[in-house]
Each structure stands twice: as structure tokens, then as C-alpha cells.
């Protein structure tokens, strides 16, 4: 064999070895994620409003859970880390966190409604779905000078990260509605905490804050276990609701308006959804009806301020 031929063979072998090593390094890359744990808060169970009135048992729901994701999240978040967008470049300044009003003294851990003696109500929205429909709904509210509260699903932010700032920049409020919108009440505690923490991480990265409110997925009220896991991630308050017009079932606009306006009263927290055409079509009539009833829609933080 000539010297030139031996040189070519040696070069080919080296290139093959380098290629194989690169594949091994990629397969063994670090997929772990850190979770924010700002500290513990005292939990006071129950769903009382600031006046101390206990809400009666309510047989409503929060809409169906989302289909089980292909990769189940774990307590360390390793299963979901591969889908997590890379962090912003070191030269990019972090976003300024939104400024929220302080809550009134005595605001309970779980808020199902605000003060019944007031005339404010909160329109809250499950945050996922077609971003065009979401934007259309936000624009309707903004033209009326109305602030909404969007309880966002973390997997939606992975697909539509621009919506986080779009919601805040319109004068609305963002909260945490878990990463994948599974039935959090039936999860093991470590998995429930991962669902909350992964959405919190996305909110922190995109907005500079994890938000004030957490809302359990596929449930109206949080179980003691879920409240404990939310507290561990940094959420002092859970946001429930007392009016569920079931817009996720796509009634027509007139029927949806009837359901909302027939149930809402001072202090109510209404559970609605982005991404549904009927909700976009019904919102102008809902806002008109609230005005005729002397009710003012505000963000959840304003309701409890």
C-alpha cells in the first residue's frame, strides 16, 4: 500500500470516530431543569371571600383536561426539558415584571369570588388556542378599556411565546394554569409540582414574573395537595371561579351571553376560554350587559385589591 493511500485511510477513520463521538455527546446532553422556589407561604384553606362568606358547594367544572402529552412530566422536569426553548442570549436584558396592585388584607388563599358588596367582576380566561382568536378577543376588551385575566397554559406559551407580552402590553393580567392542562387533582405531588413549576418558568422567562395567581387544571377548586405544591413554587393565592358558562362546549353567542349575564353578580369570577369563536362573538354583548347591570369588569388583582 502506498503512503498516500494509508494517509487517506487514516483520515477516514478519524472522521468516522469524531462523528460517532459527536452523536454520543448529543445523546448524553444535560436535560435537567432548575425550578424556582421563592419560599413558603402560609396556607389558609377554604374559598371564602374577604367578607368571610363561604361559597356553597358548586357542581360546575372547568372544562375537559387536555390529552395526555407524549412525554409525561416528572418532578425534575427532565421529560419536558427537550421541548423547552433555549434561554435568551446573555446580552438580552430580562423583561420588566408587571406591576400589580397589593391585595386587600384578608384575601384568602383560594379566591372563588371577590367582595359581594362591590360592583366589580373579573373575566378570566383559559389561555390556549388559536392566537388569532385570542388576539381578536383581547382587542375587543382593549377597545372598551377592560382588563382581562388570562390563566395561561405553559405548552401554549411554548408554541406562541409572543402572546405573553401581547397580553400584558394590552393591560391584562397573566396567571399560571399548569404546563399541560392535565387533571392535576389526581397526580402524585411531585408531578403536580412539576406541572406548576414548568409553566412558572416560562412566565418568568417571558415576562419577568411567575404571576400572582395559580389555577388548577381540570378542576374548579384546588385540593390541599395542589395548594401545597403551588405554594412551594411561589403562588400564595389560587384563583377559582363562581361562574362557568361552559363556553368550551361552543354554544352560540346569544346563549353564552345569557349564561354569563344570568349568573354573574358583584364580586363574581367568570371562567371563559380563549380560542373559541363563540366567546369572541359573545364578548361585546357580555360587556354591554355588565354595564347595564352596573357591573365593572376588572382584572383578578383589581377585584381583590
C-alpha atoms as a PDB file:
ATOM      1  CA  UNK A   1       0.000   0.000   0.000  1.00  0.00           C
ATOM      2  CA  UNK A   2       1.390   3.458  -0.879  1.00  0.00           C
ATOM      3  CA  UNK A   3       1.957   6.190   1.715  1.00  0.00           C
ATOM      4  CA  UNK A   4      -0.749   8.383   0.130  1.00  0.00           C
ATOM      5  CA  UNK A   5      -3.334   5.591   0.346  1.00  0.00           C
ATOM      6  CA  UNK A   6      -2.501   4.913   4.024  1.00  0.00           C
ATOM      7  CA  UNK A   7      -2.899   8.659   4.785  1.00  0.00           C
ATOM      8  CA  UNK A   8      -6.378   8.709   3.187  1.00  0.00           C
ATOM      9  CA  UNK A   9      -7.490   5.640   5.157  1.00  0.00           C
ATOM     10  CA  UNK A  10      -6.239   7.070   8.464  1.00  0.00           C
ATOM     11  CA  UNK A  11      -8.083  10.356   7.786  1.00  0.00           C
ATOM     12  CA  UNK A  12     -11.325   8.494   7.010  1.00  0.00           C
ATOM     13  CA  UNK A  13     -11.122   6.510  10.256  1.00  0.00           C
ATOM     14  CA  UNK A  14     -10.524   9.687  12.304  1.00  0.00           C
ATOM     15  CA  UNK A  15     -13.525  11.419  10.718  1.00  0.00           C
ATOM     16  CA  UNK A  16     -15.759   8.433  11.486  1.00  0.00           C
ATOM     17  CA  UNK A  17     -14.624   8.382  15.103  1.00  0.00           C
ATOM     18  CA  UNK A  18     -15.251  12.105  15.526  1.00  0.00           C
ATOM     19  CA  UNK A  19     -18.749  11.761  14.042  1.00  0.00           C
ATOM     20  CA  UNK A  20     -19.622   8.904  16.408  1.00  0.00           C
ATOM     21  CA  UNK A  21     -18.302  10.834  19.411  1.00  0.00           C
ATOM     22  CA  UNK A  22     -20.398  13.859  18.485  1.00  0.00           C
ATOM     23  CA  UNK A  23     -23.541  11.709  18.375  1.00  0.00           C
ATOM     24  CA  UNK A  24     -22.731  10.223  21.786  1.00  0.00           C
ATOM     25  CA  UNK A  25     -22.249  13.671  23.318  1.00  0.00           C
ATOM     26  CA  UNK A  26     -25.576  14.853  21.900  1.00  0.00           C
ATOM     27  CA  UNK A  27     -27.356  11.772  23.282  1.00  0.00           C
ATOM     28  CA  UNK A  28     -25.904  12.348  26.758  1.00  0.00           C
ATOM     29  CA  UNK A  29     -26.523  16.118  26.916  1.00  0.00           C
ATOM     30  CA  UNK A  30     -27.858  17.635  30.157  1.00  0.00           C
ATOM     31  CA  UNK A  31     -31.675  17.771  30.059  1.00  0.00           C
ATOM     32  CA  UNK A  32     -32.267  18.712  33.713  1.00  0.00           C
ATOM     33  CA  UNK A  33     -34.081  21.929  34.595  1.00  0.00           C
ATOM     34  CA  UNK A  34     -33.996  24.139  37.699  1.00  0.00           C
ATOM     35  CA  UNK A  35     -37.269  25.111  39.329  1.00  0.00           C
ATOM     36  CA  UNK A  36     -37.990  28.385  41.021  1.00  0.00           C
ATOM     37  CA  UNK A  37     -38.813  28.054  44.725  1.00  0.00           C
ATOM     38  CA  UNK A  38     -39.144  31.605  46.091  1.00  0.00           C
ATOM     39  CA  UNK A  39     -40.135  30.364  49.526  1.00  0.00           C
ATOM     40  CA  UNK A  40     -43.039  29.193  51.600  1.00  0.00           C
ATOM     41  CA  UNK A  41     -46.299  30.978  52.317  1.00  0.00           C
ATOM     42  CA  UNK A  42     -48.886  30.306  54.967  1.00  0.00           C
ATOM     43  CA  UNK A  43     -51.903  28.474  53.547  1.00  0.00           C
ATOM     44  CA  UNK A  44     -55.375  29.218  54.848  1.00  0.00           C
ATOM     45  CA  UNK A  45     -57.756  26.676  53.273  1.00  0.00           C
ATOM     46  CA  UNK A  46     -61.251  27.398  52.078  1.00  0.00           C
ATOM     47  CA  UNK A  47     -62.894  29.541  49.415  1.00  0.00           C
ATOM     48  CA  UNK A  48     -64.163  32.448  51.490  1.00  0.00           C
ATOM     49  CA  UNK A  49     -64.360  35.939  50.110  1.00  0.00           C
ATOM     50  CA  UNK A  50     -62.811  38.805  52.121  1.00  0.00           C
ATOM     51  CA  UNK A  51     -66.123  39.345  53.913  1.00  0.00           C
ATOM     52  CA  UNK A  52     -65.899  35.804  55.335  1.00  0.00           C
ATOM     53  CA  UNK A  53     -68.826  34.309  53.391  1.00  0.00           C
ATOM     54  CA  UNK A  54     -68.341  30.668  52.466  1.00  0.00           C
ATOM     55  CA  UNK A  55     -69.278  29.841  48.873  1.00  0.00           C
ATOM     56  CA  UNK A  56     -71.777  26.952  48.716  1.00  0.00           C
ATOM     57  CA  UNK A  57     -70.807  23.720  47.002  1.00  0.00           C
ATOM     58  CA  UNK A  58     -70.896  24.232  43.265  1.00  0.00           C
ATOM     59  CA  UNK A  59     -71.379  21.414  40.779  1.00  0.00           C
ATOM     60  CA  UNK A  60     -69.710  23.072  37.820  1.00  0.00           C
ATOM     61  CA  UNK A  61     -66.428  22.229  36.144  1.00  0.00           C
ATOM     62  CA  UNK A  62     -63.511  23.800  34.366  1.00  0.00           C
ATOM     63  CA  UNK A  63     -63.715  22.074  31.019  1.00  0.00           C
ATOM     64  CA  UNK A  64     -62.072  18.832  29.935  1.00  0.00           C
ATOM     65  CA  UNK A  65     -58.428  18.092  30.559  1.00  0.00           C
ATOM     66  CA  UNK A  66     -56.111  18.145  27.555  1.00  0.00           C
ATOM     67  CA  UNK A  67     -54.964  14.839  26.022  1.00  0.00           C
ATOM     68  CA  UNK A  68     -52.061  13.234  27.831  1.00  0.00           C
ATOM     69  CA  UNK A  69     -48.785  14.523  26.350  1.00  0.00           C
ATOM     70  CA  UNK A  70     -46.457  12.019  24.701  1.00  0.00           C
ATOM     71  CA  UNK A  71     -43.787  12.574  27.374  1.00  0.00           C
ATOM     72  CA  UNK A  72     -45.082  12.615  30.956  1.00  0.00           C
ATOM     73  CA  UNK A  73     -43.526  15.352  33.083  1.00  0.00           C
ATOM     74  CA  UNK A  74     -41.551  14.307  36.136  1.00  0.00           C
ATOM     75  CA  UNK A  75     -40.673  16.158  39.317  1.00  0.00           C
ATOM     76  CA  UNK A  76     -37.325  17.267  37.899  1.00  0.00           C
ATOM     77  CA  UNK A  77     -38.837  18.345  34.588  1.00  0.00           C
ATOM     78  CA  UNK A  78     -36.450  16.190  32.529  1.00  0.00           C
ATOM     79  CA  UNK A  79     -39.183  14.777  30.306  1.00  0.00           C
ATOM     80  CA  UNK A  80     -40.321  18.246  29.249  1.00  0.00           C
ATOM     81  CA  UNK A  81     -36.892  19.854  29.020  1.00  0.00           C
ATOM     82  CA  UNK A  82     -36.274  18.786  25.435  1.00  0.00           C
ATOM     83  CA  UNK A  83     -39.259  20.866  24.292  1.00  0.00           C
ATOM     84  CA  UNK A  84     -38.181  23.922  26.275  1.00  0.00           C
ATOM     85  CA  UNK A  85     -36.946  26.804  24.102  1.00  0.00           C
ATOM     86  CA  UNK A  86     -33.340  27.834  24.738  1.00  0.00           C
ATOM     87  CA  UNK A  87     -32.832  30.718  27.178  1.00  0.00           C
ATOM     88  CA  UNK A  88     -32.400  34.211  25.811  1.00  0.00           C
ATOM     89  CA  UNK A  89     -28.881  35.359  24.986  1.00  0.00           C
ATOM     90  CA  UNK A  90     -26.904  36.744  27.898  1.00  0.00           C
ATOM     91  CA  UNK A  91     -26.881  40.203  26.299  1.00  0.00           C
ATOM     92  CA  UNK A  92     -30.704  40.405  26.229  1.00  0.00           C
ATOM     93  CA  UNK A  93     -31.991  42.276  29.299  1.00  0.00           C
ATOM     94  CA  UNK A  94     -34.670  40.419  31.264  1.00  0.00           C
ATOM     95  CA  UNK A  95     -38.219  41.715  30.788  1.00  0.00           C
ATOM     96  CA  UNK A  96     -39.542  44.097  33.400  1.00  0.00           C
ATOM     97  CA  UNK A  97     -42.105  42.313  35.601  1.00  0.00           C
ATOM     98  CA  UNK A  98     -45.663  43.675  35.564  1.00  0.00           C
ATOM     99  CA  UNK A  99     -46.689  45.965  38.404  1.00  0.00           C
ATOM    100  CA  UNK A 100     -49.688  44.590  40.310  1.00  0.00           C
ATOM    101  CA  UNK A 101     -51.815  46.311  42.953  1.00  0.00           C
ATOM    102  CA  UNK A 102     -51.479  44.969  46.514  1.00  0.00           C
ATOM    103  CA  UNK A 103     -54.268  42.639  47.582  1.00  0.00           C
ATOM    104  CA  UNK A 104     -56.652  43.571  50.371  1.00  0.00           C
ATOM    105  CA  UNK A 105     -55.876  42.303  53.847  1.00  0.00           C
ATOM    106  CA  UNK A 106     -57.683  39.034  54.443  1.00  0.00           C
ATOM    107  CA  UNK A 107     -57.656  37.882  50.828  1.00  0.00           C
ATOM    108  CA  UNK A 108     -57.986  34.095  51.202  1.00  0.00           C
ATOM    109  CA  UNK A 109     -55.575  31.520  49.838  1.00  0.00           C
ATOM    110  CA  UNK A 110     -58.215  30.355  47.337  1.00  0.00           C
ATOM    111  CA  UNK A 111     -60.361  33.083  45.800  1.00  0.00           C
ATOM    112  CA  UNK A 112     -63.658  31.924  44.308  1.00  0.00           C
ATOM    113  CA  UNK A 113     -65.076  35.450  44.117  1.00  0.00           C
ATOM    114  CA  UNK A 114     -64.351  38.942  45.358  1.00  0.00           C
ATOM    115  CA  UNK A 115     -66.311  41.174  47.755  1.00  0.00           C
ATOM    116  CA  UNK A 116     -70.032  40.705  47.122  1.00  0.00           C
ATOM    117  CA  UNK A 117     -70.758  44.244  48.288  1.00  0.00           C
ATOM    118  CA  UNK A 118     -68.737  45.688  45.398  1.00  0.00           C
ATOM    119  CA  UNK A 119     -69.701  46.124  41.756  1.00  0.00           C
ATOM    120  CA  UNK A 120     -66.546  44.712  40.190  1.00  0.00           C
ATOM    121  CA  UNK A 121     -66.320  41.350  38.438  1.00  0.00           C
ATOM    122  CA  UNK A 122     -63.363  39.502  36.897  1.00  0.00           C
ATOM    123  CA  UNK A 123     -63.469  37.932  33.441  1.00  0.00           C
ATOM    124  CA  UNK A 124     -60.828  35.187  33.457  1.00  0.00           C
ATOM    125  CA  UNK A 125     -59.716  33.091  30.506  1.00  0.00           C
ATOM    126  CA  UNK A 126     -58.075  29.707  29.994  1.00  0.00           C
ATOM    127  CA  UNK A 127     -55.036  30.712  27.914  1.00  0.00           C
ATOM    128  CA  UNK A 128     -54.594  28.479  24.866  1.00  0.00           C
ATOM    129  CA  UNK A 129     -55.984  28.032  21.372  1.00  0.00           C
ATOM    130  CA  UNK A 130     -55.809  29.907  18.063  1.00  0.00           C
ATOM    131  CA  UNK A 131     -53.703  33.049  18.658  1.00  0.00           C
ATOM    132  CA  UNK A 132     -55.741  34.945  16.047  1.00  0.00           C
ATOM    133  CA  UNK A 133     -58.933  34.365  18.037  1.00  0.00           C
ATOM    134  CA  UNK A 134     -57.115  35.228  21.259  1.00  0.00           C
ATOM    135  CA  UNK A 135     -55.867  38.485  19.764  1.00  0.00           C
ATOM    136  CA  UNK A 136     -59.339  39.370  18.449  1.00  0.00           C
ATOM    137  CA  UNK A 137     -60.813  38.870  21.926  1.00  0.00           C
ATOM    138  CA  UNK A 138     -58.091  40.949  23.580  1.00  0.00           C
ATOM    139  CA  UNK A 139     -58.683  43.763  21.084  1.00  0.00           C
ATOM    140  CA  UNK A 140     -62.415  43.837  21.876  1.00  0.00           C
ATOM    141  CA  UNK A 141     -61.659  44.214  25.569  1.00  0.00           C
ATOM    142  CA  UNK A 142     -58.999  46.846  24.963  1.00  0.00           C
ATOM    143  CA  UNK A 143     -61.312  48.990  22.840  1.00  0.00           C
ATOM    144  CA  UNK A 144     -63.663  49.034  25.854  1.00  0.00           C
ATOM    145  CA  UNK A 145     -60.854  49.762  28.322  1.00  0.00           C
ATOM    146  CA  UNK A 146     -61.366  46.390  30.032  1.00  0.00           C
ATOM    147  CA  UNK A 147     -58.593  44.358  31.669  1.00  0.00           C
ATOM    148  CA  UNK A 148     -58.880  40.565  31.484  1.00  0.00           C
ATOM    149  CA  UNK A 149     -57.082  37.851  33.445  1.00  0.00           C
ATOM    150  CA  UNK A 150     -55.551  35.066  31.340  1.00  0.00           C
ATOM    151  CA  UNK A 151     -54.613  31.850  33.147  1.00  0.00           C
ATOM    152  CA  UNK A 152     -52.135  30.606  30.612  1.00  0.00           C
ATOM    153  CA  UNK A 153     -51.177  27.004  29.765  1.00  0.00           C
ATOM    154  CA  UNK A 154     -47.394  26.634  29.545  1.00  0.00           C
ATOM    155  CA  UNK A 155     -47.397  24.393  26.465  1.00  0.00           C
ATOM    156  CA  UNK A 156     -49.276  27.157  24.628  1.00  0.00           C
ATOM    157  CA  UNK A 157     -46.511  29.602  25.506  1.00  0.00           C
ATOM    158  CA  UNK A 158     -44.014  27.135  24.018  1.00  0.00           C
ATOM    159  CA  UNK A 159     -45.928  27.405  20.728  1.00  0.00           C
ATOM    160  CA  UNK A 160     -46.928  31.087  20.987  1.00  0.00           C
ATOM    161  CA  UNK A 161     -44.329  32.841  23.200  1.00  0.00           C
ATOM    162  CA  UNK A 162     -45.225  36.249  21.747  1.00  0.00           C
ATOM    163  CA  UNK A 163     -48.673  36.044  23.364  1.00  0.00           C
ATOM    164  CA  UNK A 164     -47.271  36.534  26.869  1.00  0.00           C
ATOM    165  CA  UNK A 165     -46.109  40.097  26.197  1.00  0.00           C
ATOM    166  CA  UNK A 166     -49.104  40.745  23.928  1.00  0.00           C
ATOM    167  CA  UNK A 167     -51.458  40.012  26.831  1.00  0.00           C
ATOM    168  CA  UNK A 168     -49.538  42.124  29.348  1.00  0.00           C
ATOM    169  CA  UNK A 169     -48.959  45.003  26.939  1.00  0.00           C
ATOM    170  CA  UNK A 170     -52.731  45.225  26.437  1.00  0.00           C
ATOM    171  CA  UNK A 171     -53.237  45.952  30.141  1.00  0.00           C
ATOM    172  CA  UNK A 172     -54.305  42.434  31.069  1.00  0.00           C
ATOM    173  CA  UNK A 173     -53.045  40.060  33.769  1.00  0.00           C
ATOM    174  CA  UNK A 174     -51.345  36.676  33.394  1.00  0.00           C
ATOM    175  CA  UNK A 175     -51.541  33.674  35.709  1.00  0.00           C
ATOM    176  CA  UNK A 176     -50.431  30.036  35.764  1.00  0.00           C
ATOM    177  CA  UNK A 177     -52.794  27.276  34.562  1.00  0.00           C
ATOM    178  CA  UNK A 178     -50.213  24.416  34.571  1.00  0.00           C
ATOM    179  CA  UNK A 179     -47.928  23.227  31.799  1.00  0.00           C
ATOM    180  CA  UNK A 180     -50.105  20.645  30.025  1.00  0.00           C
ATOM    181  CA  UNK A 181     -53.637  21.115  31.435  1.00  0.00           C
ATOM    182  CA  UNK A 182     -53.965  17.581  32.774  1.00  0.00           C
ATOM    183  CA  UNK A 183     -56.150  16.571  35.723  1.00  0.00           C
ATOM    184  CA  UNK A 184     -53.810  17.891  38.395  1.00  0.00           C
ATOM    185  CA  UNK A 185     -56.024  16.737  41.285  1.00  0.00           C
ATOM    186  CA  UNK A 186     -55.236  13.072  40.536  1.00  0.00           C
ATOM    187  CA  UNK A 187     -51.468  13.493  40.112  1.00  0.00           C
ATOM    188  CA  UNK A 188     -48.744  12.486  42.536  1.00  0.00           C
ATOM    189  CA  UNK A 189     -47.449  15.549  44.420  1.00  0.00           C
ATOM    190  CA  UNK A 190     -44.094  15.667  42.601  1.00  0.00           C
ATOM    191  CA  UNK A 191     -45.758  15.571  39.208  1.00  0.00           C
ATOM    192  CA  UNK A 192     -48.309  18.217  40.222  1.00  0.00           C
ATOM    193  CA  UNK A 193     -45.486  20.471  41.380  1.00  0.00           C
ATOM    194  CA  UNK A 194     -43.635  19.941  38.074  1.00  0.00           C
ATOM    195  CA  UNK A 195     -46.773  20.944  36.130  1.00  0.00           C
ATOM    196  CA  UNK A 196     -46.961  24.195  38.096  1.00  0.00           C
ATOM    197  CA  UNK A 197     -43.219  24.882  38.082  1.00  0.00           C
ATOM    198  CA  UNK A 198     -42.737  24.371  34.350  1.00  0.00           C
ATOM    199  CA  UNK A 199     -45.432  26.919  33.495  1.00  0.00           C
ATOM    200  CA  UNK A 200     -43.982  29.291  36.109  1.00  0.00           C
ATOM    201  CA  UNK A 201     -40.561  29.043  34.474  1.00  0.00           C
ATOM    202  CA  UNK A 202     -41.996  30.072  31.122  1.00  0.00           C
ATOM    203  CA  UNK A 203     -43.848  33.017  32.630  1.00  0.00           C
ATOM    204  CA  UNK A 204     -40.688  34.126  34.441  1.00  0.00           C
ATOM    205  CA  UNK A 205     -38.573  33.933  31.303  1.00  0.00           C
ATOM    206  CA  UNK A 206     -41.081  35.677  29.041  1.00  0.00           C
ATOM    207  CA  UNK A 207     -42.459  38.328  31.413  1.00  0.00           C
ATOM    208  CA  UNK A 208     -40.047  38.677  34.344  1.00  0.00           C
ATOM    209  CA  UNK A 209     -42.592  37.256  36.819  1.00  0.00           C
ATOM    210  CA  UNK A 210     -44.306  33.956  37.581  1.00  0.00           C
ATOM    211  CA  UNK A 211     -47.557  35.900  38.027  1.00  0.00           C
ATOM    212  CA  UNK A 212     -49.676  36.233  41.156  1.00  0.00           C
ATOM    213  CA  UNK A 213     -52.329  33.582  40.547  1.00  0.00           C
ATOM    214  CA  UNK A 214     -52.374  29.832  40.037  1.00  0.00           C
ATOM    215  CA  UNK A 215     -55.473  27.990  38.799  1.00  0.00           C
ATOM    216  CA  UNK A 216     -55.676  24.167  38.898  1.00  0.00           C
ATOM    217  CA  UNK A 217     -56.271  22.385  35.602  1.00  0.00           C
ATOM    218  CA  UNK A 218     -59.443  20.331  35.005  1.00  0.00           C
ATOM    219  CA  UNK A 219     -60.853  21.395  38.390  1.00  0.00           C
ATOM    220  CA  UNK A 220     -62.735  24.314  39.865  1.00  0.00           C
ATOM    221  CA  UNK A 221     -61.090  24.178  43.286  1.00  0.00           C
ATOM    222  CA  UNK A 222     -57.593  23.155  44.344  1.00  0.00           C
ATOM    223  CA  UNK A 223     -57.159  20.173  46.638  1.00  0.00           C
ATOM    224  CA  UNK A 224     -54.957  20.628  49.734  1.00  0.00           C
ATOM    225  CA  UNK A 225     -52.177  18.762  47.899  1.00  0.00           C
ATOM    226  CA  UNK A 226     -52.384  21.093  44.901  1.00  0.00           C
ATOM    227  CA  UNK A 227     -52.416  24.191  47.112  1.00  0.00           C
ATOM    228  CA  UNK A 228     -49.317  22.894  48.869  1.00  0.00           C
ATOM    229  CA  UNK A 229     -47.464  22.353  45.581  1.00  0.00           C
ATOM    230  CA  UNK A 230     -48.496  25.778  44.267  1.00  0.00           C
ATOM    231  CA  UNK A 231     -47.208  27.360  47.474  1.00  0.00           C
ATOM    232  CA  UNK A 232     -43.881  25.548  47.084  1.00  0.00           C
ATOM    233  CA  UNK A 233     -43.460  27.039  43.598  1.00  0.00           C
ATOM    234  CA  UNK A 234     -44.257  30.529  44.877  1.00  0.00           C
ATOM    235  CA  UNK A 235     -48.017  31.046  44.499  1.00  0.00           C
ATOM    236  CA  UNK A 236     -49.641  32.451  47.612  1.00  0.00           C
ATOM    237  CA  UNK A 237     -53.110  32.525  46.036  1.00  0.00           C
ATOM    238  CA  UNK A 238     -55.226  30.142  43.955  1.00  0.00           C
ATOM    239  CA  UNK A 239     -57.820  31.685  41.639  1.00  0.00           C
ATOM    240  CA  UNK A 240     -61.027  29.698  41.352  1.00  0.00           C
ATOM    241  CA  UNK A 241     -64.354  30.980  39.966  1.00  0.00           C
ATOM    242  CA  UNK A 242     -68.066  31.002  40.726  1.00  0.00           C
ATOM    243  CA  UNK A 243     -69.482  31.376  37.185  1.00  0.00           C
ATOM    244  CA  UNK A 244     -68.760  28.770  34.494  1.00  0.00           C
ATOM    245  CA  UNK A 245     -70.808  29.364  31.331  1.00  0.00           C
ATOM    246  CA  UNK A 246     -69.126  26.361  29.610  1.00  0.00           C
ATOM    247  CA  UNK A 247     -68.027  28.243  26.518  1.00  0.00           C
ATOM    248  CA  UNK A 248     -65.645  25.338  25.814  1.00  0.00           C
ATOM    249  CA  UNK A 249     -68.763  23.474  24.535  1.00  0.00           C
ATOM    250  CA  UNK A 250     -69.178  26.189  21.849  1.00  0.00           C
ATOM    251  CA  UNK A 251     -72.744  27.421  22.376  1.00  0.00           C
ATOM    252  CA  UNK A 252     -73.882  30.251  20.121  1.00  0.00           C
ATOM    253  CA  UNK A 253     -73.070  33.810  21.155  1.00  0.00           C
ATOM    254  CA  UNK A 254     -76.594  34.631  22.375  1.00  0.00           C
ATOM    255  CA  UNK A 255     -76.694  31.541  24.598  1.00  0.00           C
ATOM    256  CA  UNK A 256     -73.253  32.273  26.034  1.00  0.00           C
ATOM    257  CA  UNK A 257     -74.289  35.841  26.844  1.00  0.00           C
ATOM    258  CA  UNK A 258     -77.427  34.505  28.577  1.00  0.00           C
ATOM    259  CA  UNK A 259     -75.393  32.074  30.687  1.00  0.00           C
ATOM    260  CA  UNK A 260     -72.928  34.725  31.839  1.00  0.00           C
ATOM    261  CA  UNK A 261     -75.356  37.553  32.479  1.00  0.00           C
ATOM    262  CA  UNK A 262     -77.874  35.259  34.177  1.00  0.00           C
ATOM    263  CA  UNK A 263     -75.333  34.131  36.791  1.00  0.00           C
ATOM    264  CA  UNK A 264     -72.912  36.990  37.351  1.00  0.00           C
ATOM    265  CA  UNK A 265     -73.185  39.344  40.325  1.00  0.00           C
ATOM    266  CA  UNK A 266     -70.944  41.663  42.278  1.00  0.00           C
ATOM    267  CA  UNK A 267     -67.594  40.027  43.010  1.00  0.00           C
ATOM    268  CA  UNK A 268     -68.030  37.165  40.523  1.00  0.00           C
ATOM    269  CA  UNK A 269     -65.083  35.475  38.844  1.00  0.00           C
ATOM    270  CA  UNK A 270     -66.187  34.210  35.424  1.00  0.00           C
ATOM    271  CA  UNK A 271     -64.304  31.303  33.771  1.00  0.00           C
ATOM    272  CA  UNK A 272     -64.057  31.662  29.992  1.00  0.00           C
ATOM    273  CA  UNK A 273     -61.654  30.429  27.294  1.00  0.00           C
ATOM    274  CA  UNK A 274     -59.501  31.936  24.591  1.00  0.00           C
ATOM    275  CA  UNK A 275     -59.527  30.201  21.224  1.00  0.00           C
ATOM    276  CA  UNK A 276     -63.304  29.808  20.852  1.00  0.00           C
ATOM    277  CA  UNK A 277     -65.167  31.769  18.179  1.00  0.00           C
ATOM    278  CA  UNK A 278     -68.347  31.851  20.259  1.00  0.00           C
ATOM    279  CA  UNK A 279     -66.519  33.618  23.101  1.00  0.00           C
ATOM    280  CA  UNK A 280     -65.139  36.278  20.764  1.00  0.00           C
ATOM    281  CA  UNK A 281     -68.605  36.831  19.274  1.00  0.00           C
ATOM    282  CA  UNK A 282     -70.289  36.953  22.687  1.00  0.00           C
ATOM    283  CA  UNK A 283     -67.848  39.300  24.453  1.00  0.00           C
ATOM    284  CA  UNK A 284     -69.299  42.629  23.182  1.00  0.00           C
ATOM    285  CA  UNK A 285     -72.775  41.639  24.360  1.00  0.00           C
ATOM    286  CA  UNK A 286     -71.398  40.410  27.696  1.00  0.00           C
ATOM    287  CA  UNK A 287     -69.648  43.733  28.261  1.00  0.00           C
ATOM    288  CA  UNK A 288     -72.803  45.632  27.303  1.00  0.00           C
ATOM    289  CA  UNK A 289     -74.890  43.533  29.699  1.00  0.00           C
ATOM    290  CA  UNK A 290     -72.447  44.021  32.560  1.00  0.00           C
ATOM    291  CA  UNK A 291     -72.615  47.758  32.005  1.00  0.00           C
ATOM    292  CA  UNK A 292     -76.415  47.754  32.091  1.00  0.00           C
ATOM    293  CA  UNK A 293     -76.273  45.826  35.361  1.00  0.00           C
ATOM    294  CA  UNK A 294     -73.885  48.375  36.862  1.00  0.00           C
ATOM    295  CA  UNK A 295     -71.008  45.871  36.984  1.00  0.00           C
ATOM    296  CA  UNK A 296     -67.432  46.736  36.016  1.00  0.00           C
ATOM    297  CA  UNK A 297     -65.053  44.070  34.646  1.00  0.00           C
ATOM    298  CA  UNK A 298     -61.549  44.292  36.130  1.00  0.00           C
ATOM    299  CA  UNK A 299     -58.519  42.041  36.487  1.00  0.00           C
ATOM    300  CA  UNK A 300     -58.464  39.489  39.301  1.00  0.00           C
ATOM    301  CA  UNK A 301     -55.891  41.559  41.209  1.00  0.00           C
ATOM    302  CA  UNK A 302     -58.098  44.662  40.942  1.00  0.00           C
ATOM    303  CA  UNK A 303     -61.079  42.631  42.122  1.00  0.00           C
ATOM    304  CA  UNK A 304     -59.209  41.656  45.285  1.00  0.00           C
ATOM    305  CA  UNK A 305     -57.324  44.927  45.848  1.00  0.00           C
END
